[in-house]
Amino acid sequence: MQRQGFYLSDHTAALNQQNQQLNEIYVPRPQQSLAVITEVLADPYQRQQPVTIQLKTVDQNNRHLPDITTLIRGYNANDIVIDADRFIRIWCKQSER
């Protein structure tokens, strides 16, 4: 019987952590120009250091998603390539392209 209490306690802790993550609010950061994005990515890309990226994507409740901390595998004027060859679209004002 004691083992069941242990599992229930672990499950409750996991549910509480998941609920906390769902209710966390991520404040949107100001959008950067393509020139700033390129400048910021150049050094970590060359040194293979992780960067933190906030996507311009929101969930069904119009809340921003958590930041992504990852290595940059490559980038160009349109996309950033991160781990597992995942492409992230670079969003800039149309006049900056």
PDB file of N, CA and C in Angstrom:
ATOM      1  N   MET A   1       0.813  -1.185   0.000  1.00  0.00           N
ATOM      2  CA  MET A   1       0.000   0.000   0.000  1.00  0.00           C
ATOM      3  C   MET A   1       0.866   1.263   0.000  1.00  0.00           C
ATOM      4  N   GLN A   2       1.987   1.201   0.643  1.00  0.00           N
ATOM      5  CA  GLN A   2       2.869   2.356   0.723  1.00  0.00           C
ATOM      6  C   GLN A   2       3.406   2.732  -0.658  1.00  0.00           C
ATOM      7  N   ARG A   3       3.654   1.739  -1.489  1.00  0.00           N
ATOM      8  CA  ARG A   3       4.166   2.014  -2.825  1.00  0.00           C
ATOM      9  C   ARG A   3       3.163   2.826  -3.651  1.00  0.00           C
ATOM     10  N   GLN A   4       1.891   2.535  -3.515  1.00  0.00           N
ATOM     11  CA  GLN A   4       0.878   3.270  -4.255  1.00  0.00           C
ATOM     12  C   GLN A   4       0.887   4.743  -3.867  1.00  0.00           C
ATOM     13  N   GLY A   5       1.114   5.037  -2.601  1.00  0.00           N
ATOM     14  CA  GLY A   5       1.201   6.419  -2.152  1.00  0.00           C
ATOM     15  C   GLY A   5       2.385   7.130  -2.764  1.00  0.00           C
ATOM     16  N   PHE A   6       3.474   6.418  -2.936  1.00  0.00           N
ATOM     17  CA  PHE A   6       4.670   7.000  -3.538  1.00  0.00           C
ATOM     18  C   PHE A   6       4.412   7.358  -4.996  1.00  0.00           C
ATOM     19  N   TYR A   7       3.783   6.442  -5.736  1.00  0.00           N
ATOM     20  CA  TYR A   7       3.477   6.712  -7.129  1.00  0.00           C
ATOM     21  C   TYR A   7       2.475   7.859  -7.268  1.00  0.00           C
ATOM     22  N   LEU A   8       1.483   7.887  -6.411  1.00  0.00           N
ATOM     23  CA  LEU A   8       0.498   8.948  -6.439  1.00  0.00           C
ATOM     24  C   LEU A   8       1.157  10.293  -6.155  1.00  0.00           C
ATOM     25  N   SER A   9       2.100  10.318  -5.226  1.00  0.00           N
ATOM     26  CA  SER A   9       2.812  11.539  -4.904  1.00  0.00           C
ATOM     27  C   SER A   9       3.622  12.027  -6.103  1.00  0.00           C
ATOM     28  N   ASP A  10       4.312  11.119  -6.790  1.00  0.00           N
ATOM     29  CA  ASP A  10       5.080  11.480  -7.985  1.00  0.00           C
ATOM     30  C   ASP A  10       4.158  11.996  -9.081  1.00  0.00           C
ATOM     31  N   HIS A  11       3.030  11.338  -9.252  1.00  0.00           N
ATOM     32  CA  HIS A  11       2.075  11.740 -10.287  1.00  0.00           C
ATOM     33  C   HIS A  11       1.513  13.129  -9.984  1.00  0.00           C
ATOM     34  N   THR A  12       1.172  13.368  -8.727  1.00  0.00           N
ATOM     35  CA  THR A  12       0.648  14.671  -8.314  1.00  0.00           C
ATOM     36  C   THR A  12       1.689  15.763  -8.536  1.00  0.00           C
ATOM     37  N   ALA A  13       2.942  15.496  -8.207  1.00  0.00           N
ATOM     38  CA  ALA A  13       4.014  16.476  -8.416  1.00  0.00           C
ATOM     39  C   ALA A  13       4.184  16.776  -9.903  1.00  0.00           C
ATOM     40  N   ALA A  14       4.120  15.747 -10.739  1.00  0.00           N
ATOM     41  CA  ALA A  14       4.247  15.939 -12.183  1.00  0.00           C
ATOM     42  C   ALA A  14       3.082  16.759 -12.730  1.00  0.00           C
ATOM     43  N   LEU A  15       1.866  16.486 -12.260  1.00  0.00           N
ATOM     44  CA  LEU A  15       0.698  17.258 -12.696  1.00  0.00           C
ATOM     45  C   LEU A  15       0.799  18.717 -12.258  1.00  0.00           C
ATOM     46  N   ASN A  16       1.269  18.944 -11.041  1.00  0.00           N
ATOM     47  CA  ASN A  16       1.446  20.321 -10.556  1.00  0.00           C
ATOM     48  C   ASN A  16       2.465  21.071 -11.392  1.00  0.00           C
ATOM     49  N   GLN A  17       3.566  20.405 -11.741  1.00  0.00           N
ATOM     50  CA  GLN A  17       4.592  21.042 -12.568  1.00  0.00           C
ATOM     51  C   GLN A  17       4.041  21.346 -13.958  1.00  0.00           C
ATOM     52  N   GLN A  18       3.303  20.420 -14.540  1.00  0.00           N
ATOM     53  CA  GLN A  18       2.714  20.629 -15.849  1.00  0.00           C
ATOM     54  C   GLN A  18       1.715  21.789 -15.816  1.00  0.00           C
ATOM     55  N   ASN A  19       0.906  21.862 -14.787  1.00  0.00           N
ATOM     56  CA  ASN A  19      -0.064  22.943 -14.638  1.00  0.00           C
ATOM     57  C   ASN A  19       0.634  24.288 -14.505  1.00  0.00           C
ATOM     58  N   GLN A  20       1.727  24.325 -13.760  1.00  0.00           N
ATOM     59  CA  GLN A  20       2.492  25.563 -13.602  1.00  0.00           C
ATOM     60  C   GLN A  20       3.051  26.017 -14.942  1.00  0.00           C
ATOM     61  N   GLN A  21       3.567  25.077 -15.736  1.00  0.00           N
ATOM     62  CA  GLN A  21       4.112  25.423 -17.047  1.00  0.00           C
ATOM     63  C   GLN A  21       3.019  25.937 -17.979  1.00  0.00           C
ATOM     64  N   LEU A  22       1.840  25.347 -17.909  1.00  0.00           N
ATOM     65  CA  LEU A  22       0.738  25.789 -18.766  1.00  0.00           C
ATOM     66  C   LEU A  22       0.262  27.191 -18.417  1.00  0.00           C
ATOM     67  N   ASN A  23       0.366  27.562 -17.144  1.00  0.00           N
ATOM     68  CA  ASN A  23      -0.104  28.872 -16.701  1.00  0.00           C
ATOM     69  C   ASN A  23       0.972  29.952 -16.757  1.00  0.00           C
ATOM     70  N   GLU A  24       2.196  29.566 -17.081  1.00  0.00           N
ATOM     71  CA  GLU A  24       3.276  30.542 -17.138  1.00  0.00           C
ATOM     72  C   GLU A  24       3.079  31.463 -18.340  1.00  0.00           C
ATOM     73  N   ILE A  25       3.341  32.741 -18.138  1.00  0.00           N
ATOM     74  CA  ILE A  25       3.168  33.732 -19.194  1.00  0.00           C
ATOM     75  C   ILE A  25       4.544  34.175 -19.675  1.00  0.00           C
ATOM     76  N   TYR A  26       4.746  34.111 -20.973  1.00  0.00           N
ATOM     77  CA  TYR A  26       6.009  34.521 -21.584  1.00  0.00           C
ATOM     78  C   TYR A  26       5.795  35.874 -22.249  1.00  0.00           C
ATOM     79  N   VAL A  27       6.495  36.860 -21.752  1.00  0.00           N
ATOM     80  CA  VAL A  27       6.341  38.226 -22.237  1.00  0.00           C
ATOM     81  C   VAL A  27       7.015  38.345 -23.608  1.00  0.00           C
ATOM     82  N   PRO A  28       6.305  38.883 -24.602  1.00  0.00           N
ATOM     83  CA  PRO A  28       6.916  39.014 -25.924  1.00  0.00           C
ATOM     84  C   PRO A  28       8.050  40.030 -25.910  1.00  0.00           C
ATOM     85  N   ARG A  29       9.120  39.661 -26.537  1.00  0.00           N
ATOM     86  CA  ARG A  29      10.267  40.566 -26.671  1.00  0.00           C
ATOM     87  C   ARG A  29      10.084  41.398 -27.936  1.00  0.00           C
ATOM     88  N   PRO A  30      10.742  42.558 -27.995  1.00  0.00           N
ATOM     89  CA  PRO A  30      10.621  43.369 -29.212  1.00  0.00           C
ATOM     90  C   PRO A  30      11.190  42.635 -30.422  1.00  0.00           C
ATOM     91  N   GLN A  31      10.546  42.805 -31.546  1.00  0.00           N
ATOM     92  CA  GLN A  31      11.028  42.182 -32.776  1.00  0.00           C
ATOM     93  C   GLN A  31      12.301  42.878 -33.237  1.00  0.00           C
ATOM     94  N   GLN A  32      13.271  42.094 -33.677  1.00  0.00           N
ATOM     95  CA  GLN A  32      14.553  42.638 -34.107  1.00  0.00           C
ATOM     96  C   GLN A  32      14.611  42.710 -35.628  1.00  0.00           C
ATOM     97  N   SER A  33      15.432  43.609 -36.114  1.00  0.00           N
ATOM     98  CA  SER A  33      15.615  43.742 -37.559  1.00  0.00           C
ATOM     99  C   SER A  33      16.477  42.588 -38.062  1.00  0.00           C
ATOM    100  N   LEU A  34      16.452  42.366 -39.364  1.00  0.00           N
ATOM    101  CA  LEU A  34      17.254  41.313 -39.965  1.00  0.00           C
ATOM    102  C   LEU A  34      18.741  41.553 -39.709  1.00  0.00           C
ATOM    103  N   ALA A  35      19.173  42.809 -39.742  1.00  0.00           N
ATOM    104  CA  ALA A  35      20.580  43.134 -39.488  1.00  0.00           C
ATOM    105  C   ALA A  35      20.986  42.747 -38.062  1.00  0.00           C
ATOM    106  N   VAL A  36      20.129  43.032 -37.091  1.00  0.00           N
ATOM    107  CA  VAL A  36      20.421  42.692 -35.692  1.00  0.00           C
ATOM    108  C   VAL A  36      20.425  41.175 -35.514  1.00  0.00           C
ATOM    109  N   ILE A  37      19.447  40.493 -36.099  1.00  0.00           N
ATOM    110  CA  ILE A  37      19.377  39.035 -35.987  1.00  0.00           C
ATOM    111  C   ILE A  37      20.645  38.400 -36.557  1.00  0.00           C
ATOM    112  N   THR A  38      21.061  38.848 -37.726  1.00  0.00           N
ATOM    113  CA  THR A  38      22.269  38.320 -38.359  1.00  0.00           C
ATOM    114  C   THR A  38      23.489  38.564 -37.498  1.00  0.00           C
ATOM    115  N   GLU A  39      23.594  39.753 -36.931  1.00  0.00           N
ATOM    116  CA  GLU A  39      24.731  40.092 -36.072  1.00  0.00           C
ATOM    117  C   GLU A  39      24.741  39.236 -34.800  1.00  0.00           C
ATOM    118  N   VAL A  40      23.579  39.044 -34.211  1.00  0.00           N
ATOM    119  CA  VAL A  40      23.476  38.275 -32.971  1.00  0.00           C
ATOM    120  C   VAL A  40      23.793  36.797 -33.214  1.00  0.00           C
ATOM    121  N   LEU A  41      23.406  36.253 -34.348  1.00  0.00           N
ATOM    122  CA  LEU A  41      23.609  34.832 -34.624  1.00  0.00           C
ATOM    123  C   LEU A  41      25.028  34.480 -35.075  1.00  0.00           C
ATOM    124  N   ALA A  42      25.742  35.427 -35.640  1.00  0.00           N
ATOM    125  CA  ALA A  42      27.045  35.132 -36.236  1.00  0.00           C
ATOM    126  C   ALA A  42      28.036  34.519 -35.250  1.00  0.00           C
ATOM    127  N   ASP A  43      28.231  35.130 -34.114  1.00  0.00           N
ATOM    128  CA  ASP A  43      29.232  34.649 -33.163  1.00  0.00           C
ATOM    129  C   ASP A  43      28.863  33.288 -32.555  1.00  0.00           C
ATOM    130  N   PRO A  44      27.658  33.113 -32.021  1.00  0.00           N
ATOM    131  CA  PRO A  44      27.312  31.783 -31.488  1.00  0.00           C
ATOM    132  C   PRO A  44      27.361  30.687 -32.551  1.00  0.00           C
ATOM    133  N   TYR A  45      27.043  31.037 -33.792  1.00  0.00           N
ATOM    134  CA  TYR A  45      27.107  30.049 -34.875  1.00  0.00           C
ATOM    135  C   TYR A  45      28.551  29.601 -35.086  1.00  0.00           C
ATOM    136  N   GLN A  46      29.465  30.546 -35.159  1.00  0.00           N
ATOM    137  CA  GLN A  46      30.881  30.217 -35.382  1.00  0.00           C
ATOM    138  C   GLN A  46      31.483  29.463 -34.205  1.00  0.00           C
ATOM    139  N   ARG A  47      31.094  29.814 -32.996  1.00  0.00           N
ATOM    140  CA  ARG A  47      31.658  29.190 -31.792  1.00  0.00           C
ATOM    141  C   ARG A  47      30.871  27.962 -31.319  1.00  0.00           C
ATOM    142  N   GLN A  48      29.795  27.629 -32.031  1.00  0.00           N
ATOM    143  CA  GLN A  48      28.926  26.517 -31.642  1.00  0.00           C
ATOM    144  C   GLN A  48      28.444  26.648 -30.197  1.00  0.00           C
ATOM    145  N   GLN A  49      27.931  27.841 -29.881  1.00  0.00           N
ATOM    146  CA  GLN A  49      27.378  28.131 -28.561  1.00  0.00           C
ATOM    147  C   GLN A  49      25.853  28.248 -28.687  1.00  0.00           C
ATOM    148  N   PRO A  50      25.132  27.839 -27.655  1.00  0.00           N
ATOM    149  CA  PRO A  50      23.667  27.924 -27.724  1.00  0.00           C
ATOM    150  C   PRO A  50      23.163  29.367 -27.673  1.00  0.00           C
ATOM    151  N   VAL A  51      22.032  29.585 -28.295  1.00  0.00           N
ATOM    152  CA  VAL A  51      21.333  30.869 -28.238  1.00  0.00           C
ATOM    153  C   VAL A  51      19.914  30.603 -27.758  1.00  0.00           C
ATOM    154  N   THR A  52      19.261  31.645 -27.260  1.00  0.00           N
ATOM    155  CA  THR A  52      17.865  31.546 -26.847  1.00  0.00           C
ATOM    156  C   THR A  52      17.030  32.351 -27.831  1.00  0.00           C
ATOM    157  N   ILE A  53      16.007  31.697 -28.364  1.00  0.00           N
ATOM    158  CA  ILE A  53      15.155  32.287 -29.399  1.00  0.00           C
ATOM    159  C   ILE A  53      13.717  32.318 -28.904  1.00  0.00           C
ATOM    160  N   GLN A  54      13.062  33.452 -29.097  1.00  0.00           N
ATOM    161  CA  GLN A  54      11.621  33.507 -28.842  1.00  0.00           C
ATOM    162  C   GLN A  54      10.920  33.490 -30.192  1.00  0.00           C
ATOM    163  N   LEU A  55      10.080  32.505 -30.383  1.00  0.00           N
ATOM    164  CA  LEU A  55       9.351  32.393 -31.641  1.00  0.00           C
ATOM    165  C   LEU A  55       8.211  33.409 -31.688  1.00  0.00           C
ATOM    166  N   LYS A  56       7.857  33.793 -32.885  1.00  0.00           N
ATOM    167  CA  LYS A  56       6.735  34.713 -33.057  1.00  0.00           C
ATOM    168  C   LYS A  56       5.451  33.905 -33.238  1.00  0.00           C
ATOM    169  N   THR A  57       5.332  32.858 -32.449  1.00  0.00           N
ATOM    170  CA  THR A  57       4.196  31.942 -32.510  1.00  0.00           C
ATOM    171  C   THR A  57       3.445  32.020 -31.195  1.00  0.00           C
ATOM    172  N   VAL A  58       2.136  31.981 -31.272  1.00  0.00           N
ATOM    173  CA  VAL A  58       1.309  31.992 -30.066  1.00  0.00           C
ATOM    174  C   VAL A  58       0.430  30.749 -30.064  1.00  0.00           C
ATOM    175  N   ASP A  59      -0.048  30.384 -28.876  1.00  0.00           N
ATOM    176  CA  ASP A  59      -0.934  29.219 -28.761  1.00  0.00           C
ATOM    177  C   ASP A  59      -2.380  29.636 -29.019  1.00  0.00           C
ATOM    178  N   GLN A  60      -3.299  28.705 -28.817  1.00  0.00           N
ATOM    179  CA  GLN A  60      -4.719  28.982 -29.088  1.00  0.00           C
ATOM    180  C   GLN A  60      -5.299  30.049 -28.176  1.00  0.00           C
ATOM    181  N   ASN A  61      -4.610  30.341 -27.061  1.00  0.00           N
ATOM    182  CA  ASN A  61      -5.052  31.394 -26.144  1.00  0.00           C
ATOM    183  C   ASN A  61      -4.309  32.707 -26.378  1.00  0.00           C
ATOM    184  N   ASN A  62      -3.605  32.800 -27.512  1.00  0.00           N
ATOM    185  CA  ASN A  62      -2.852  33.991 -27.906  1.00  0.00           C
ATOM    186  C   ASN A  62      -1.710  34.306 -26.933  1.00  0.00           C
ATOM    187  N   ARG A  63      -1.129  33.260 -26.349  1.00  0.00           N
ATOM    188  CA  ARG A  63       0.025  33.424 -25.459  1.00  0.00           C
ATOM    189  C   ARG A  63       1.265  32.908 -26.157  1.00  0.00           C
ATOM    190  N   HIS A  64       2.385  33.592 -25.910  1.00  0.00           N
ATOM    191  CA  HIS A  64       3.650  33.177 -26.518  1.00  0.00           C
ATOM    192  C   HIS A  64       4.116  31.852 -25.935  1.00  0.00           C
ATOM    193  N   LEU A  65       4.805  31.099 -26.758  1.00  0.00           N
ATOM    194  CA  LEU A  65       5.359  29.814 -26.345  1.00  0.00           C
ATOM    195  C   LEU A  65       6.673  30.043 -25.605  1.00  0.00           C
ATOM    196  N   PRO A  66       7.155  29.034 -24.865  1.00  0.00           N
ATOM    197  CA  PRO A  66       8.436  29.180 -24.168  1.00  0.00           C
ATOM    198  C   PRO A  66       9.576  29.409 -25.156  1.00  0.00           C
ATOM    199  N   ASP A  67      10.618  30.079 -24.687  1.00  0.00           N
ATOM    200  CA  ASP A  67      11.804  30.291 -25.503  1.00  0.00           C
ATOM    201  C   ASP A  67      12.469  28.960 -25.815  1.00  0.00           C
ATOM    202  N   ILE A  68      13.229  28.930 -26.894  1.00  0.00           N
ATOM    203  CA  ILE A  68      14.001  27.756 -27.282  1.00  0.00           C
ATOM    204  C   ILE A  68      15.474  28.099 -27.097  1.00  0.00           C
ATOM    205  N   THR A  69      16.198  27.256 -26.365  1.00  0.00           N
ATOM    206  CA  THR A  69      17.644  27.401 -26.252  1.00  0.00           C
ATOM    207  C   THR A  69      18.259  26.260 -27.047  1.00  0.00           C
ATOM    208  N   THR A  70      19.062  26.608 -28.049  1.00  0.00           N
ATOM    209  CA  THR A  70      19.555  25.610 -28.990  1.00  0.00           C
ATOM    210  C   THR A  70      20.837  26.072 -29.658  1.00  0.00           C
ATOM    211  N   LEU A  71      21.509  25.154 -30.313  1.00  0.00           N
ATOM    212  CA  LEU A  71      22.637  25.496 -31.163  1.00  0.00           C
ATOM    213  C   LEU A  71      22.110  25.893 -32.529  1.00  0.00           C
ATOM    214  N   ILE A  72      22.807  26.795 -33.177  1.00  0.00           N
ATOM    215  CA  ILE A  72      22.461  27.213 -34.531  1.00  0.00           C
ATOM    216  C   ILE A  72      23.291  26.376 -35.500  1.00  0.00           C
ATOM    217  N   ARG A  73      22.619  25.655 -36.382  1.00  0.00           N
ATOM    218  CA  ARG A  73      23.309  24.816 -37.367  1.00  0.00           C
ATOM    219  C   ARG A  73      23.577  25.586 -38.659  1.00  0.00           C
ATOM    220  N   GLY A  74      22.839  26.666 -38.875  1.00  0.00           N
ATOM    221  CA  GLY A  74      23.011  27.490 -40.059  1.00  0.00           C
ATOM    222  C   GLY A  74      21.903  28.525 -40.107  1.00  0.00           C
ATOM    223  N   TYR A  75      22.068  29.511 -40.966  1.00  0.00           N
ATOM    224  CA  TYR A  75      21.025  30.519 -41.141  1.00  0.00           C
ATOM    225  C   TYR A  75      21.245  31.246 -42.454  1.00  0.00           C
ATOM    226  N   ASN A  76      20.175  31.847 -42.966  1.00  0.00           N
ATOM    227  CA  ASN A  76      20.247  32.694 -44.146  1.00  0.00           C
ATOM    228  C   ASN A  76      19.242  33.822 -43.955  1.00  0.00           C
ATOM    229  N   ALA A  77      18.915  34.526 -45.010  1.00  0.00           N
ATOM    230  CA  ALA A  77      18.029  35.688 -44.890  1.00  0.00           C
ATOM    231  C   ALA A  77      16.594  35.306 -44.515  1.00  0.00           C
ATOM    232  N   ASN A  78      16.239  34.034 -44.690  1.00  0.00           N
ATOM    233  CA  ASN A  78      14.860  33.622 -44.439  1.00  0.00           C
ATOM    234  C   ASN A  78      14.677  32.688 -43.250  1.00  0.00           C
ATOM    235  N   ASP A  79      15.674  31.862 -42.957  1.00  0.00           N
ATOM    236  CA  ASP A  79      15.510  30.804 -41.965  1.00  0.00           C
ATOM    237  C   ASP A  79      16.722  30.664 -41.060  1.00  0.00           C
ATOM    238  N   ILE A  80      16.455  30.103 -39.875  1.00  0.00           N
ATOM    239  CA  ILE A  80      17.498  29.666 -38.958  1.00  0.00           C
ATOM    240  C   ILE A  80      17.354  28.154 -38.869  1.00  0.00           C
ATOM    241  N   VAL A  81      18.466  27.436 -38.963  1.00  0.00           N
ATOM    242  CA  VAL A  81      18.434  25.979 -38.836  1.00  0.00           C
ATOM    243  C   VAL A  81      18.958  25.642 -37.444  1.00  0.00           C
ATOM    244  N   ILE A  82      18.122  24.929 -36.671  1.00  0.00           N
ATOM    245  CA  ILE A  82      18.527  24.556 -35.314  1.00  0.00           C
ATOM    246  C   ILE A  82      18.684  23.040 -35.241  1.00  0.00           C
ATOM    247  N   ASP A  83      18.845  22.524 -34.041  1.00  0.00           N
ATOM    248  CA  ASP A  83      19.034  21.087 -33.840  1.00  0.00           C
ATOM    249  C   ASP A  83      18.027  20.266 -34.632  1.00  0.00           C
ATOM    250  N   ALA A  84      18.456  19.087 -35.031  1.00  0.00           N
ATOM    251  CA  ALA A  84      17.617  18.133 -35.768  1.00  0.00           C
ATOM    252  C   ALA A  84      17.137  18.717 -37.101  1.00  0.00           C
ATOM    253  N   ASP A  85      17.924  19.621 -37.664  1.00  0.00           N
ATOM    254  CA  ASP A  85      17.608  20.215 -38.970  1.00  0.00           C
ATOM    255  C   ASP A  85      16.215  20.819 -39.024  1.00  0.00           C
ATOM    256  N   ARG A  86      15.795  21.426 -37.945  1.00  0.00           N
ATOM    257  CA  ARG A  86      14.503  22.108 -37.885  1.00  0.00           C
ATOM    258  C   ARG A  86      14.696  23.552 -38.353  1.00  0.00           C
ATOM    259  N   PHE A  87      13.886  23.991 -39.278  1.00  0.00           N
ATOM    260  CA  PHE A  87      13.975  25.348 -39.812  1.00  0.00           C
ATOM    261  C   PHE A  87      13.017  26.256 -39.056  1.00  0.00           C
ATOM    262  N   ILE A  88      13.505  27.417 -38.672  1.00  0.00           N
ATOM    263  CA  ILE A  88      12.677  28.439 -38.039  1.00  0.00           C
ATOM    264  C   ILE A  88      12.690  29.648 -38.952  1.00  0.00           C
ATOM    265  N   ARG A  89      11.534  30.097 -39.338  1.00  0.00           N
ATOM    266  CA  ARG A  89      11.397  31.255 -40.235  1.00  0.00           C
ATOM    267  C   ARG A  89      11.782  32.528 -39.500  1.00  0.00           C
ATOM    268  N   ILE A  90      12.591  33.374 -40.132  1.00  0.00           N
ATOM    269  CA  ILE A  90      12.938  34.680 -39.575  1.00  0.00           C
ATOM    270  C   ILE A  90      11.857  35.656 -40.018  1.00  0.00           C
ATOM    271  N   TRP A  91      11.222  36.295 -39.046  1.00  0.00           N
ATOM    272  CA  TRP A  91      10.156  37.252 -39.330  1.00  0.00           C
ATOM    273  C   TRP A  91      10.690  38.662 -39.167  1.00  0.00           C
ATOM    274  N   CYS A  92      10.668  39.422 -40.228  1.00  0.00           N
ATOM    275  CA  CYS A  92      11.074  40.827 -40.199  1.00  0.00           C
ATOM    276  C   CYS A  92      10.032  41.632 -40.967  1.00  0.00           C
ATOM    277  N   LYS A  93      10.087  42.914 -40.763  1.00  0.00           N
ATOM    278  CA  LYS A  93       9.201  43.785 -41.527  1.00  0.00           C
ATOM    279  C   LYS A  93       9.539  43.639 -43.004  1.00  0.00           C
ATOM    280  N   GLN A  94       8.558  43.689 -43.835  1.00  0.00           N
ATOM    281  CA  GLN A  94       8.746  43.494 -45.270  1.00  0.00           C
ATOM    282  C   GLN A  94       9.758  44.480 -45.845  1.00  0.00           C
ATOM    283  N   SER A  95       9.801  45.701 -45.329  1.00  0.00           N
ATOM    284  CA  SER A  95      10.718  46.715 -45.860  1.00  0.00           C
ATOM    285  C   SER A  95      12.170  46.405 -45.537  1.00  0.00           C
ATOM    286  N   GLU A  96      12.436  45.490 -44.598  1.00  0.00           N
ATOM    287  CA  GLU A  96      13.801  45.172 -44.219  1.00  0.00           C
ATOM    288  C   GLU A  96      14.410  44.069 -45.076  1.00  0.00           C
ATOM    289  N   ARG A  97      13.650  43.421 -45.875  1.00  0.00           N
ATOM    290  CA  ARG A  97      14.155  42.280 -46.668  1.00  0.00           C
ATOM    291  C   ARG A  97      14.810  42.713 -47.937  1.00  0.00           C
TER     292      ARG A  97
END
